[in-house]
Protein backbone atom coordinates (compact mmCIF):
# COMPACT_ATOMS: atom_id res chain seq x y z
CA UNK A 1 91.88 71.64 111.27
CA UNK A 2 95.65 71.45 109.89
CA UNK A 3 96.41 70.36 106.60
CA UNK A 4 97.67 66.85 105.95
CA UNK A 5 101.33 66.60 105.39
CA UNK A 6 100.84 65.50 101.67
CA UNK A 7 100.39 69.35 101.17
CA UNK A 8 103.54 70.98 99.54
CA UNK A 9 105.85 72.59 102.14
CA UNK A 10 107.36 76.03 101.53
CA UNK A 11 110.08 78.05 103.33
CA UNK A 12 109.57 80.98 105.37
CA UNK A 13 112.57 83.33 106.44
CA UNK A 14 113.35 86.13 108.72
CA UNK A 15 113.02 86.39 112.49
CA UNK A 16 109.46 87.87 112.74
CA UNK A 17 107.88 85.56 110.07
CA UNK A 18 109.34 82.45 111.59
CA UNK A 19 108.72 83.39 115.24
CA UNK A 20 105.04 83.99 114.32
CA UNK A 21 104.73 80.76 112.53
CA UNK A 22 106.25 78.85 115.42
CA UNK A 23 103.75 80.28 117.77
CA UNK A 24 100.67 79.78 115.61
CA UNK A 25 98.94 76.52 116.69
CA UNK A 26 97.30 76.27 113.20
CA UNK A 27 100.79 76.21 111.47
CA UNK A 28 102.46 72.85 110.90
CA UNK A 29 106.17 73.42 111.04
CA UNK A 30 108.60 70.70 109.75
CA UNK A 31 112.28 72.00 110.07
CA UNK A 32 114.02 74.98 111.67
CA UNK A 33 117.30 76.05 110.21
CA UNK A 34 119.39 78.43 112.15
CA UNK A 35 122.88 79.99 112.00
CA UNK A 36 124.99 79.78 114.95
CA UNK A 37 124.70 83.70 115.47
CA UNK A 38 120.80 83.51 115.36
CA UNK A 39 120.52 80.53 117.49
CA UNK A 40 120.15 82.62 120.64
CA UNK A 41 117.01 84.50 119.18
CA UNK A 42 115.12 81.08 119.56
CA UNK A 43 116.71 79.80 122.83
CA UNK A 44 113.32 80.38 124.70
CA UNK A 45 111.62 77.68 122.47
CA UNK A 46 113.90 74.84 123.75
CA UNK A 47 111.37 73.74 126.15
CA UNK A 48 108.33 73.86 123.90
CA UNK A 49 107.29 71.45 121.09
CA UNK A 50 109.37 72.55 118.06
CA UNK A 51 110.20 71.15 114.79
CA UNK A 52 113.36 69.51 113.77
CA UNK A 53 116.17 72.00 114.63
CA UNK A 54 119.55 72.23 112.55
CA UNK A 55 122.33 74.63 113.03
CA UNK A 56 123.87 75.51 109.62
CA UNK A 57 126.26 78.15 108.16
CA UNK A 58 124.91 81.21 106.40
CA UNK A 59 125.85 80.00 103.03
CA UNK A 60 124.30 76.53 103.47
CA UNK A 61 120.99 78.36 104.48
CA UNK A 62 121.28 80.99 101.64
CA UNK A 63 121.46 77.97 99.16
CA UNK A 64 118.08 76.61 100.21
CA UNK A 65 116.26 79.91 99.94
CA UNK A 66 115.45 82.18 96.79
CA UNK A 67 118.30 84.31 95.80
CA UNK A 68 118.30 87.64 97.53
CA UNK A 69 116.22 86.38 100.73
CA UNK A 70 117.17 88.52 103.60
CA UNK A 71 117.01 85.54 106.09
CA UNK A 72 118.44 87.03 109.19
CA UNK A 73 120.06 83.66 109.81
CA UNK A 74 116.71 81.75 110.19
CA UNK A 75 114.47 79.61 107.82
CA UNK A 76 111.48 77.41 108.63
CA UNK A 77 109.87 74.82 106.51
CA UNK A 78 106.07 74.92 107.03
CA UNK A 79 102.96 73.45 105.46
CA UNK A 80 100.38 76.02 104.01
CA UNK A 81 97.94 77.39 106.60
CA UNK A 82 94.30 76.08 106.77
CA UNK A 83 91.56 78.48 105.63
CA UNK A 84 90.24 80.34 108.58
CA UNK A 85 86.51 80.15 109.28
CA UNK A 86 84.17 82.81 108.08
CA UNK A 87 82.04 82.43 111.17
CA UNK A 88 84.10 85.01 113.21
CA UNK A 89 84.04 87.38 110.40
CA UNK A 90 80.38 87.33 109.64
CA UNK A 91 79.50 87.56 113.33
CA UNK A 92 81.77 90.48 114.16
CA UNK A 93 79.79 93.26 115.39
CA UNK A 94 81.93 95.76 114.05
CA UNK A 95 85.49 96.38 112.53
CA UNK A 96 87.42 96.97 109.07
CA UNK A 97 87.98 94.18 106.59
CA UNK A 98 90.49 94.76 103.71
CA UNK A 99 89.32 93.30 100.40
CA UNK A 100 92.04 93.21 97.66
CA UNK A 101 90.82 93.13 94.02
CA UNK A 102 93.63 91.37 92.01
CA UNK A 103 96.49 92.97 94.12
CA UNK A 104 99.30 90.73 92.59
CA UNK A 105 102.63 92.12 94.07
CA UNK A 106 103.62 89.84 97.30
CA UNK A 107 105.49 92.94 98.78
CA UNK A 108 102.12 94.97 98.73
CA UNK A 109 100.05 92.31 99.93
CA UNK A 110 102.67 91.51 102.82
CA UNK A 111 102.64 95.15 103.71
CA UNK A 112 99.04 95.34 103.75
CA UNK A 113 98.76 92.47 106.10
CA UNK A 114 101.20 93.99 108.45
CA UNK A 115 99.20 97.24 108.44
CA UNK A 116 95.90 95.62 108.79
CA UNK A 117 97.13 93.69 111.84
CA UNK A 118 98.73 96.89 113.40
CA UNK A 119 95.39 98.79 112.86
CA UNK A 120 93.11 95.99 114.34
CA UNK A 121 91.59 95.05 111.07
CA UNK A 122 89.20 91.99 111.07
CA UNK A 123 91.35 90.41 108.46
CA UNK A 124 92.32 90.41 104.59
CA UNK A 125 90.18 88.85 101.72
CA UNK A 126 91.71 88.36 98.17
CA UNK A 127 90.85 86.39 95.04
CA UNK A 128 92.16 82.86 94.73
CA UNK A 129 93.42 83.81 91.24
CA UNK A 130 95.50 86.95 90.19
CA UNK A 131 97.07 87.01 93.76
CA UNK A 132 100.47 85.99 95.01
CA UNK A 133 101.31 82.87 96.50
CA UNK A 134 101.43 83.00 100.25
CA UNK A 135 105.12 82.35 100.11
CA UNK A 136 108.26 83.30 102.08
CA UNK A 137 108.62 86.61 100.24
CA UNK A 138 105.15 87.73 101.50
CA UNK A 139 105.55 86.32 104.79
CA UNK A 140 108.97 88.39 105.21
CA UNK A 141 107.19 91.58 104.25
CA UNK A 142 104.11 90.98 106.55
CA UNK A 143 106.78 90.62 109.45
CA UNK A 144 104.66 87.77 111.30
CA UNK A 145 101.01 89.06 110.37
CA UNK A 146 100.54 86.08 107.97
CA UNK A 147 100.43 84.07 110.95
CA UNK A 148 98.49 86.21 113.35
CA UNK A 149 95.81 87.78 111.01
CA UNK A 150 92.96 85.95 109.31
CA UNK A 151 93.23 85.90 105.28
CA UNK A 152 90.63 84.56 103.10
CA UNK A 153 90.84 83.60 99.45
CA UNK A 154 87.58 83.57 97.47
CA UNK A 155 86.99 82.42 93.89
CA UNK A 156 84.30 84.84 93.13
CA UNK A 157 84.74 88.34 94.55
CA UNK A 158 81.59 89.85 93.28
CA UNK A 159 79.55 87.16 95.03
CA UNK A 160 81.58 87.54 98.13
CA UNK A 161 80.95 91.13 98.31
CA UNK A 162 77.23 90.35 98.11
CA UNK A 163 77.59 87.94 100.95
CA UNK A 164 79.39 90.45 102.91
CA UNK A 165 76.56 93.00 102.51
CA UNK A 166 74.05 90.39 103.50
CA UNK A 167 75.83 90.01 106.82
CA UNK A 168 75.97 93.61 107.63
CA UNK A 169 79.09 94.74 106.09
CA UNK A 170 79.07 98.25 104.21
CA UNK A 171 81.44 97.98 101.10
CA UNK A 172 83.69 100.93 100.26
CA UNK A 173 85.80 100.96 97.28
CA UNK A 174 88.88 103.35 97.19
CA UNK A 175 88.89 105.08 93.73
CA UNK A 176 90.92 108.32 92.99
CA UNK A 177 88.16 109.46 90.52
CA UNK A 178 85.33 109.56 93.31
CA UNK A 179 83.88 113.07 94.00
CA UNK A 180 83.96 111.93 97.87
CA UNK A 181 86.70 112.23 100.43
CA UNK A 182 86.92 109.16 102.79
CA UNK A 183 87.82 111.51 105.54
CA UNK A 184 84.80 113.46 105.47
CA UNK A 185 82.22 110.55 105.30
CA UNK A 186 80.49 109.12 108.21
CA UNK A 187 80.54 105.46 107.50
CA UNK A 188 79.06 102.28 109.39
CA UNK A 189 81.28 100.64 112.08
CA UNK A 190 81.22 97.35 110.20
CA UNK A 191 82.83 98.05 106.83
CA UNK A 192 84.85 96.22 104.20
CA UNK A 193 87.40 98.40 102.47
CA UNK A 194 87.96 97.30 98.85
CA UNK A 195 91.46 97.92 97.16
CA UNK A 196 92.22 97.74 93.46
CA UNK A 197 95.20 96.43 91.63
CA UNK A 198 98.48 98.20 91.06
CA UNK A 199 98.15 100.57 88.27
CA UNK A 200 94.37 99.37 87.07
CA UNK A 201 92.64 99.97 90.17
CA UNK A 202 89.18 98.46 90.90
CA UNK A 203 87.58 96.52 88.21
CA UNK A 204 84.29 97.98 86.94
CA UNK A 205 82.21 94.85 88.17
CA UNK A 206 83.86 95.32 91.56
CA UNK A 207 83.10 99.05 91.60
CA UNK A 208 79.42 98.25 90.69
CA UNK A 209 79.30 95.97 93.68
CA UNK A 210 80.54 98.62 96.25
CA UNK A 211 78.08 100.42 98.27
CA UNK A 212 80.09 103.51 97.97
CA UNK A 213 83.29 104.91 96.33
CA UNK A 214 85.64 107.38 97.98
CA UNK A 215 89.19 108.79 97.56
CA UNK A 216 91.89 110.02 99.77
CA UNK A 217 92.96 113.54 100.17
CA UNK A 218 96.10 113.63 97.86
CA UNK A 219 97.46 116.22 95.82
CA UNK A 220 95.08 116.51 92.63
CA UNK A 221 98.07 116.70 90.24
CA UNK A 222 99.67 113.64 91.79
CA UNK A 223 96.85 111.47 93.33
CA UNK A 224 98.24 108.06 92.85
CA UNK A 225 99.79 106.16 95.71
CA UNK A 226 101.24 102.57 95.98
CA UNK A 227 98.35 100.27 96.89
CA UNK A 228 99.79 99.28 100.09
CA UNK A 229 100.29 103.03 101.18
CA UNK A 230 96.91 103.83 100.13
CA UNK A 231 95.49 101.06 102.16
CA UNK A 232 97.35 102.12 105.26
CA UNK A 233 96.05 105.68 104.85
CA UNK A 234 92.62 104.58 104.39
CA UNK A 235 92.48 102.11 107.12
CA UNK A 236 93.95 104.77 109.42
CA UNK A 237 91.19 107.20 108.41
CA UNK A 238 88.71 104.57 109.36
CA UNK A 239 90.18 103.12 112.55
CA UNK A 240 88.64 105.08 115.64
CA UNK A 241 91.10 107.21 117.68
CA UNK A 242 91.83 106.30 121.21
CA UNK A 243 90.90 108.85 123.82
CA UNK A 244 93.90 110.85 125.48
CA UNK A 245 95.30 108.79 128.20
CA UNK A 246 94.99 105.35 126.60
């Protein structure tokens, strides 16, 4: 169900983020602003149901958006997405879910969404608080994945991890202090990969709720990775490799 128009609107920008939002039936789109040079990128939408379209000059577009926004000549005013249903997640026979424990940087969360979508993850779960808003910065970094991959926000991560385990998920936390390498472990095919915050890593209670802790095969003298890079490497390790010829 879509949100009512009393919800506060926000701006998305960038070709991929805006096109994905326009194609998403769950997204309410209000205004589409294009510069003359970018209008041709959306010419295929002229026969579809689209929001109010305005052609503006680049300077006018930049004034509407946050300073430094790389808009590529397009901005879209939208309403927030409705919360996706848990049913499809709970009843998935297999797959990888990314769980973020207080990851606060919108660029990191956006990059994680993009990687998760590219590697066929079930979706991303993160906490309601101590996380970035689902804003234009995050959407631009996600390059369309915000509107094409389920994202759940939960109020109590520990309880949500317990609920996942009750529904067949094996919870694996990534921790560089673990003695176990993720690449060497034989793990179940229905798995929640839990990633900690930038710098602090997994909180103690979150670690205790994980079934297993593992680490990546990094240089022991320099093991720390950006959380979005670590998520990409870990998810790649967990994703089944296609056979030759596929």
